[in-house]
PDB file of all heavy atoms in Angstrom:
ATOM      1  N   VAL A   1      17.516  99.120  97.212  1.00  0.00           N
ATOM      2  CA  VAL A   1      16.487 100.223  97.457  1.00  0.00           C
ATOM      3  C   VAL A   1      16.665 101.236  96.281  1.00  0.00           C
ATOM      4  O   VAL A   1      15.594 101.709  95.768  1.00  0.00           O
ATOM      5  CB  VAL A   1      16.689 100.929  98.802  1.00  0.00           C
ATOM      6  CG1 VAL A   1      15.899 102.234  98.891  1.00  0.00           C
ATOM      7  CG2 VAL A   1      16.307  99.945  99.959  1.00  0.00           C
ATOM      8  N   ASP A   2      17.894 101.565  95.912  1.00  0.00           N
ATOM      9  CA  ASP A   2      18.063 102.465  94.792  1.00  0.00           C
ATOM     10  C   ASP A   2      17.497 101.907  93.503  1.00  0.00           C
ATOM     11  O   ASP A   2      16.834 102.667  92.752  1.00  0.00           O
ATOM     12  CB  ASP A   2      19.568 102.817  94.623  1.00  0.00           C
ATOM     13  CG  ASP A   2      20.145 103.612  95.658  1.00  0.00           C
ATOM     14  OD1 ASP A   2      19.310 104.320  96.299  1.00  0.00           O
ATOM     15  OD2 ASP A   2      21.344 103.659  95.794  1.00  0.00           O
ATOM     16  N   SER A   3      17.734 100.632  93.240  1.00  0.00           N
ATOM     17  CA  SER A   3      17.061 100.049  91.991  1.00  0.00           C
ATOM     18  C   SER A   3      15.575  99.982  92.046  1.00  0.00           C
ATOM     19  O   SER A   3      14.942 100.213  91.018  1.00  0.00           O
ATOM     20  CB  SER A   3      17.695  98.698  91.795  1.00  0.00           C
ATOM     21  OG  SER A   3      17.323  97.751  92.776  1.00  0.00           O
ATOM     22  N   LEU A   4      15.059  99.737  93.235  1.00  0.00           N
ATOM     23  CA  LEU A   4      13.639  99.745  93.341  1.00  0.00           C
ATOM     24  C   LEU A   4      13.066 101.170  93.128  1.00  0.00           C
ATOM     25  O   LEU A   4      11.974 101.325  92.459  1.00  0.00           O
ATOM     26  CB  LEU A   4      13.187  99.207  94.804  1.00  0.00           C
ATOM     27  CG  LEU A   4      11.728  99.158  95.048  1.00  0.00           C
ATOM     28  CD1 LEU A   4      11.017  98.113  94.065  1.00  0.00           C
ATOM     29  CD2 LEU A   4      11.451  98.827  96.518  1.00  0.00           C
ATOM     30  N   VAL A   5      13.703 102.096  93.665  1.00  0.00           N
ATOM     31  CA  VAL A   5      13.125 103.583  93.551  1.00  0.00           C
ATOM     32  C   VAL A   5      13.222 103.991  92.089  1.00  0.00           C
ATOM     33  O   VAL A   5      12.384 104.570  91.583  1.00  0.00           O
ATOM     34  CB  VAL A   5      14.020 104.430  94.466  1.00  0.00           C
ATOM     35  CG1 VAL A   5      13.743 105.901  94.136  1.00  0.00           C
ATOM     36  CG2 VAL A   5      13.641 104.169  95.913  1.00  0.00           C
ATOM     37  N   SER A   6      14.350 103.635  91.366  1.00  0.00           N
ATOM     38  CA  SER A   6      14.571 103.933  90.016  1.00  0.00           C
ATOM     39  C   SER A   6      13.423 103.222  89.113  1.00  0.00           C
ATOM     40  O   SER A   6      12.985 103.807  88.277  1.00  0.00           O
ATOM     41  CB  SER A   6      15.929 103.648  89.560  1.00  0.00           C
ATOM     42  OG  SER A   6      16.182 102.314  89.501  1.00  0.00           O
ATOM     43  N   PHE A   7      13.144 101.945  89.480  1.00  0.00           N
ATOM     44  CA  PHE A   7      12.149 101.246  88.766  1.00  0.00           C
ATOM     45  C   PHE A   7      10.836 101.872  88.928  1.00  0.00           C
ATOM     46  O   PHE A   7      10.078 102.069  88.006  1.00  0.00           O
ATOM     47  CB  PHE A   7      12.194  99.768  89.170  1.00  0.00           C
ATOM     48  CG  PHE A   7      10.980  98.979  88.624  1.00  0.00           C
ATOM     49  CD1 PHE A   7      11.000  98.633  87.229  1.00  0.00           C
ATOM     50  CD2 PHE A   7       9.888  98.658  89.355  1.00  0.00           C
ATOM     51  CE1 PHE A   7       9.938  97.808  86.755  1.00  0.00           C
ATOM     52  CE2 PHE A   7       8.787  97.971  88.910  1.00  0.00           C
ATOM     53  CZ  PHE A   7       8.828  97.515  87.583  1.00  0.00           C
ATOM     54  N   LEU A   8      10.508 102.232  90.110  1.00  0.00           N
ATOM     55  CA  LEU A   8       9.182 102.827  90.446  1.00  0.00           C
ATOM     56  C   LEU A   8       9.022 104.131  89.754  1.00  0.00           C
ATOM     57  O   LEU A   8       7.921 104.514  89.346  1.00  0.00           O
ATOM     58  CB  LEU A   8       8.980 102.868  92.005  1.00  0.00           C
ATOM     59  CG  LEU A   8       8.706 101.578  92.656  1.00  0.00           C
ATOM     60  CD1 LEU A   8       8.517 101.825  94.197  1.00  0.00           C
ATOM     61  CD2 LEU A   8       7.485 100.912  92.097  1.00  0.00           C
ATOM     62  N   SER A   9      10.109 105.008  89.727  1.00  0.00           N
ATOM     63  CA  SER A   9       9.995 106.306  89.197  1.00  0.00           C
ATOM     64  C   SER A   9       9.795 106.174  87.690  1.00  0.00           C
ATOM     65  O   SER A   9       8.994 106.897  87.051  1.00  0.00           O
ATOM     66  CB  SER A   9      11.198 107.131  89.493  1.00  0.00           C
ATOM     67  OG  SER A   9      12.423 106.618  88.933  1.00  0.00           O
ATOM     68  N   GLU A  10      10.563 105.216  87.074  1.00  0.00           N
ATOM     69  CA  GLU A  10      10.362 104.967  85.597  1.00  0.00           C
ATOM     70  C   GLU A  10       8.920 104.390  85.350  1.00  0.00           C
ATOM     71  O   GLU A  10       8.288 104.781  84.288  1.00  0.00           O
ATOM     72  CB  GLU A  10      11.396 103.872  85.137  1.00  0.00           C
ATOM     73  CG  GLU A  10      11.332 103.761  83.619  1.00  0.00           C
ATOM     74  CD  GLU A  10      12.473 102.761  83.246  1.00  0.00           C
ATOM     75  OE1 GLU A  10      13.555 102.725  83.962  1.00  0.00           O
ATOM     76  OE2 GLU A  10      12.291 102.068  82.189  1.00  0.00           O
ATOM     77  N   PHE A  11       8.443 103.627  86.234  1.00  0.00           N
ATOM     78  CA  PHE A  11       7.033 103.032  86.083  1.00  0.00           C
ATOM     79  C   PHE A  11       5.955 104.149  86.158  1.00  0.00           C
ATOM     80  O   PHE A  11       5.007 104.258  85.315  1.00  0.00           O
ATOM     81  CB  PHE A  11       6.768 102.004  87.155  1.00  0.00           C
ATOM     82  CG  PHE A  11       5.452 101.390  87.050  1.00  0.00           C
ATOM     83  CD1 PHE A  11       5.210 100.370  86.164  1.00  0.00           C
ATOM     84  CD2 PHE A  11       4.344 101.719  87.849  1.00  0.00           C
ATOM     85  CE1 PHE A  11       3.944  99.701  86.030  1.00  0.00           C
ATOM     86  CE2 PHE A  11       3.216 101.157  87.821  1.00  0.00           C
ATOM     87  CZ  PHE A  11       2.917 100.113  86.840  1.00  0.00           C
ATOM     88  N   VAL A  12       6.233 105.045  87.101  1.00  0.00           N
ATOM     89  CA  VAL A  12       5.273 106.217  87.204  1.00  0.00           C
ATOM     90  C   VAL A  12       5.351 107.100  86.005  1.00  0.00           C
ATOM     91  O   VAL A  12       4.342 107.588  85.557  1.00  0.00           O
ATOM     92  CB  VAL A  12       5.567 106.919  88.644  1.00  0.00           C
ATOM     93  CG1 VAL A  12       4.844 108.268  88.524  1.00  0.00           C
ATOM     94  CG2 VAL A  12       5.141 106.150  89.810  1.00  0.00           C
ATOM     95  N   ASP A  13       6.586 107.368  85.567  1.00  0.00           N
ATOM     96  CA  ASP A  13       6.662 108.143  84.316  1.00  0.00           C
ATOM     97  C   ASP A  13       5.968 107.576  83.169  1.00  0.00           C
ATOM     98  O   ASP A  13       5.222 108.216  82.358  1.00  0.00           O
ATOM     99  CB  ASP A  13       8.210 108.310  83.993  1.00  0.00           C
ATOM    100  CG  ASP A  13       8.894 109.255  84.978  1.00  0.00           C
ATOM    101  OD1 ASP A  13       8.187 110.026  85.734  1.00  0.00           O
ATOM    102  OD2 ASP A  13      10.144 109.220  85.011  1.00  0.00           O
ATOM    103  N   ASP A  14       6.077 106.210  82.984  1.00  0.00           N
ATOM    104  CA  ASP A  14       5.310 105.549  81.875  1.00  0.00           C
ATOM    105  C   ASP A  14       3.905 105.626  82.100  1.00  0.00           C
ATOM    106  O   ASP A  14       3.050 105.570  81.148  1.00  0.00           O
ATOM    107  CB  ASP A  14       5.911 104.092  81.750  1.00  0.00           C
ATOM    108  CG  ASP A  14       7.217 103.968  81.169  1.00  0.00           C
ATOM    109  OD1 ASP A  14       7.597 104.958  80.489  1.00  0.00           O
ATOM    110  OD2 ASP A  14       7.899 102.887  81.251  1.00  0.00           O
ATOM    111  N   TRP A  15       3.454 105.456  83.338  1.00  0.00           N
ATOM    112  CA  TRP A  15       2.041 105.423  83.701  1.00  0.00           C
ATOM    113  C   TRP A  15       1.432 106.749  83.331  1.00  0.00           C
ATOM    114  O   TRP A  15       0.311 106.741  82.844  1.00  0.00           O
ATOM    115  CB  TRP A  15       1.878 105.130  85.125  1.00  0.00           C
ATOM    116  CG  TRP A  15       0.494 104.856  85.548  1.00  0.00           C
ATOM    117  CD1 TRP A  15      -0.376 105.817  86.015  1.00  0.00           C
ATOM    118  CD2 TRP A  15      -0.187 103.512  85.579  1.00  0.00           C
ATOM    119  NE1 TRP A  15      -1.596 105.193  86.278  1.00  0.00           N
ATOM    120  CE2 TRP A  15      -1.511 103.937  86.022  1.00  0.00           C
ATOM    121  CE3 TRP A  15       0.072 102.368  85.338  1.00  0.00           C
ATOM    122  CZ2 TRP A  15      -2.497 102.889  86.203  1.00  0.00           C
ATOM    123  CZ3 TRP A  15      -0.841 101.272  85.383  1.00  0.00           C
ATOM    124  CH2 TRP A  15      -2.007 101.613  85.923  1.00  0.00           C
ATOM    125  N   LEU A  16       2.201 107.797  83.644  1.00  0.00           N
ATOM    126  CA  LEU A  16       1.602 109.157  83.276  1.00  0.00           C
ATOM    127  C   LEU A  16       1.647 109.411  81.875  1.00  0.00           C
ATOM    128  O   LEU A  16       0.975 110.426  81.373  1.00  0.00           O
ATOM    129  CB  LEU A  16       2.339 110.143  84.137  1.00  0.00           C
ATOM    130  CG  LEU A  16       2.151 110.078  85.680  1.00  0.00           C
ATOM    131  CD1 LEU A  16       3.018 111.094  86.408  1.00  0.00           C
ATOM    132  CD2 LEU A  16       0.707 110.262  85.980  1.00  0.00           C
ATOM    133  N   ALA A  17       2.496 108.763  81.062  1.00  0.00           N
ATOM    134  CA  ALA A  17       2.606 109.070  79.629  1.00  0.00           C
ATOM    135  C   ALA A  17       1.385 108.606  78.907  1.00  0.00           C
ATOM    136  O   ALA A  17       1.100 109.064  77.802  1.00  0.00           O
ATOM    137  CB  ALA A  17       3.877 108.379  79.081  1.00  0.00           C
ATOM    138  N   ASN A  18       0.739 107.597  79.466  1.00  0.00           N
ATOM    139  CA  ASN A  18      -0.564 107.046  78.767  1.00  0.00           C
ATOM    140  C   ASN A  18      -0.264 106.491  77.334  1.00  0.00           C
ATOM    141  O   ASN A  18      -1.006 106.809  76.414  1.00  0.00           O
ATOM    142  CB  ASN A  18      -1.543 108.113  78.752  1.00  0.00           C
ATOM    143  CG  ASN A  18      -2.645 107.801  79.817  1.00  0.00           C
ATOM    144  OD1 ASN A  18      -2.587 106.720  80.452  1.00  0.00           O
ATOM    145  ND2 ASN A  18      -3.553 108.679  80.146  1.00  0.00           N
ATOM    146  N   ASP A  19       0.804 105.896  77.130  1.00  0.00           N
ATOM    147  CA  ASP A  19       1.046 105.236  75.891  1.00  0.00           C
ATOM    148  C   ASP A  19       0.407 103.904  75.730  1.00  0.00           C
ATOM    149  O   ASP A  19      -0.385 103.511  76.589  1.00  0.00           O
ATOM    150  CB  ASP A  19       2.552 105.156  75.512  1.00  0.00           C
ATOM    151  CG  ASP A  19       3.344 104.304  76.419  1.00  0.00           C
ATOM    152  OD1 ASP A  19       2.746 103.921  77.501  1.00  0.00           O
ATOM    153  OD2 ASP A  19       4.443 103.911  76.221  1.00  0.00           O
ATOM    154  N   MET A  20       0.632 103.186  74.655  1.00  0.00           N
ATOM    155  CA  MET A  20      -0.160 101.853  74.301  1.00  0.00           C
ATOM    156  C   MET A  20       0.301 100.882  75.400  1.00  0.00           C
ATOM    157  O   MET A  20      -0.573 100.087  75.805  1.00  0.00           O
ATOM    158  CB  MET A  20       0.195 101.504  72.964  1.00  0.00           C
ATOM    159  CG  MET A  20      -0.661 100.217  72.572  1.00  0.00           C
ATOM    160  SD  MET A  20      -2.354 100.412  72.611  1.00  0.00           S
ATOM    161  CE  MET A  20      -2.646 101.484  71.265  1.00  0.00           C
ATOM    162  N   ARG A  21       1.488 100.772  75.700  1.00  0.00           N
ATOM    163  CA  ARG A  21       1.899  99.749  76.773  1.00  0.00           C
ATOM    164  C   ARG A  21       1.173  99.889  78.079  1.00  0.00           C
ATOM    165  O   ARG A  21       0.755  98.986  78.616  1.00  0.00           O
ATOM    166  CB  ARG A  21       3.372  99.765  76.980  1.00  0.00           C
ATOM    167  CG  ARG A  21       4.337  99.454  75.875  1.00  0.00           C
ATOM    168  CD  ARG A  21       5.673  99.525  76.160  1.00  0.00           C
ATOM    169  NE  ARG A  21       6.054 100.862  76.641  1.00  0.00           N
ATOM    170  CZ  ARG A  21       7.129 101.102  77.381  1.00  0.00           C
ATOM    171  NH1 ARG A  21       7.848 100.133  77.825  1.00  0.00           N
ATOM    172  NH2 ARG A  21       7.274 102.334  77.741  1.00  0.00           N
ATOM    173  N   VAL A  22       1.079 101.154  78.475  1.00  0.00           N
ATOM    174  CA  VAL A  22       0.284 101.450  79.700  1.00  0.00           C
ATOM    175  C   VAL A  22      -1.173 101.138  79.590  1.00  0.00           C
ATOM    176  O   VAL A  22      -1.739 100.486  80.465  1.00  0.00           O
ATOM    177  CB  VAL A  22       0.523 102.919  80.204  1.00  0.00           C
ATOM    178  CG1 VAL A  22      -0.358 103.189  81.263  1.00  0.00           C
ATOM    179  CG2 VAL A  22       1.954 103.168  80.391  1.00  0.00           C
ATOM    180  N   ALA A  23      -1.727 101.403  78.453  1.00  0.00           N
ATOM    181  CA  ALA A  23      -3.185 101.085  78.258  1.00  0.00           C
ATOM    182  C   ALA A  23      -3.401  99.552  78.319  1.00  0.00           C
ATOM    183  O   ALA A  23      -4.290  99.063  78.943  1.00  0.00           O
ATOM    184  CB  ALA A  23      -3.672 101.596  76.932  1.00  0.00           C
ATOM    185  N   VAL A  24      -2.497  98.743  77.607  1.00  0.00           N
ATOM    186  CA  VAL A  24      -2.567  97.259  77.668  1.00  0.00           C
ATOM    187  C   VAL A  24      -2.340  96.764  79.079  1.00  0.00           C
ATOM    188  O   VAL A  24      -3.133  95.927  79.497  1.00  0.00           O
ATOM    189  CB  VAL A  24      -1.612  96.693  76.712  1.00  0.00           C
ATOM    190  CG1 VAL A  24      -1.551  95.192  76.828  1.00  0.00           C
ATOM    191  CG2 VAL A  24      -1.983  97.036  75.268  1.00  0.00           C
ATOM    192  N   PHE A  25      -1.419  97.389  79.793  1.00  0.00           N
ATOM    193  CA  PHE A  25      -1.208  96.967  81.194  1.00  0.00           C
ATOM    194  C   PHE A  25      -2.341  97.269  82.039  1.00  0.00           C
ATOM    195  O   PHE A  25      -2.811  96.425  82.834  1.00  0.00           O
ATOM    196  CB  PHE A  25       0.090  97.743  81.777  1.00  0.00           C
ATOM    197  CG  PHE A  25       0.373  97.370  83.129  1.00  0.00           C
ATOM    198  CD1 PHE A  25       1.002  96.112  83.432  1.00  0.00           C
ATOM    199  CD2 PHE A  25      -0.018  98.257  84.142  1.00  0.00           C
ATOM    200  CE1 PHE A  25       1.240  95.777  84.745  1.00  0.00           C
ATOM    201  CE2 PHE A  25       0.254  97.904  85.505  1.00  0.00           C
ATOM    202  CZ  PHE A  25       0.851  96.755  85.810  1.00  0.00           C
ATOM    203  N   LYS A  26      -2.976  98.390  81.866  1.00  0.00           N
ATOM    204  CA  LYS A  26      -4.264  98.685  82.660  1.00  0.00           C
ATOM    205  C   LYS A  26      -5.305  97.770  82.340  1.00  0.00           C
ATOM    206  O   LYS A  26      -6.091  97.365  83.317  1.00  0.00           O
ATOM    207  CB  LYS A  26      -4.550 100.145  82.311  1.00  0.00           C
ATOM    208  CG  LYS A  26      -3.763 101.217  83.035  1.00  0.00           C
ATOM    209  CD  LYS A  26      -4.206 102.635  82.636  1.00  0.00           C
ATOM    210  CE  LYS A  26      -3.345 103.698  83.208  1.00  0.00           C
ATOM    211  NZ  LYS A  26      -3.799 104.970  82.901  1.00  0.00           N
TER     212      LYS A  26
END
């Protein structure tokens, strides 16, 4: 659960950053 929560929080941070990786992923 801790690893899942840390992964999701990192994912949300990257998602909100709107960099190139996030744009390609979207």
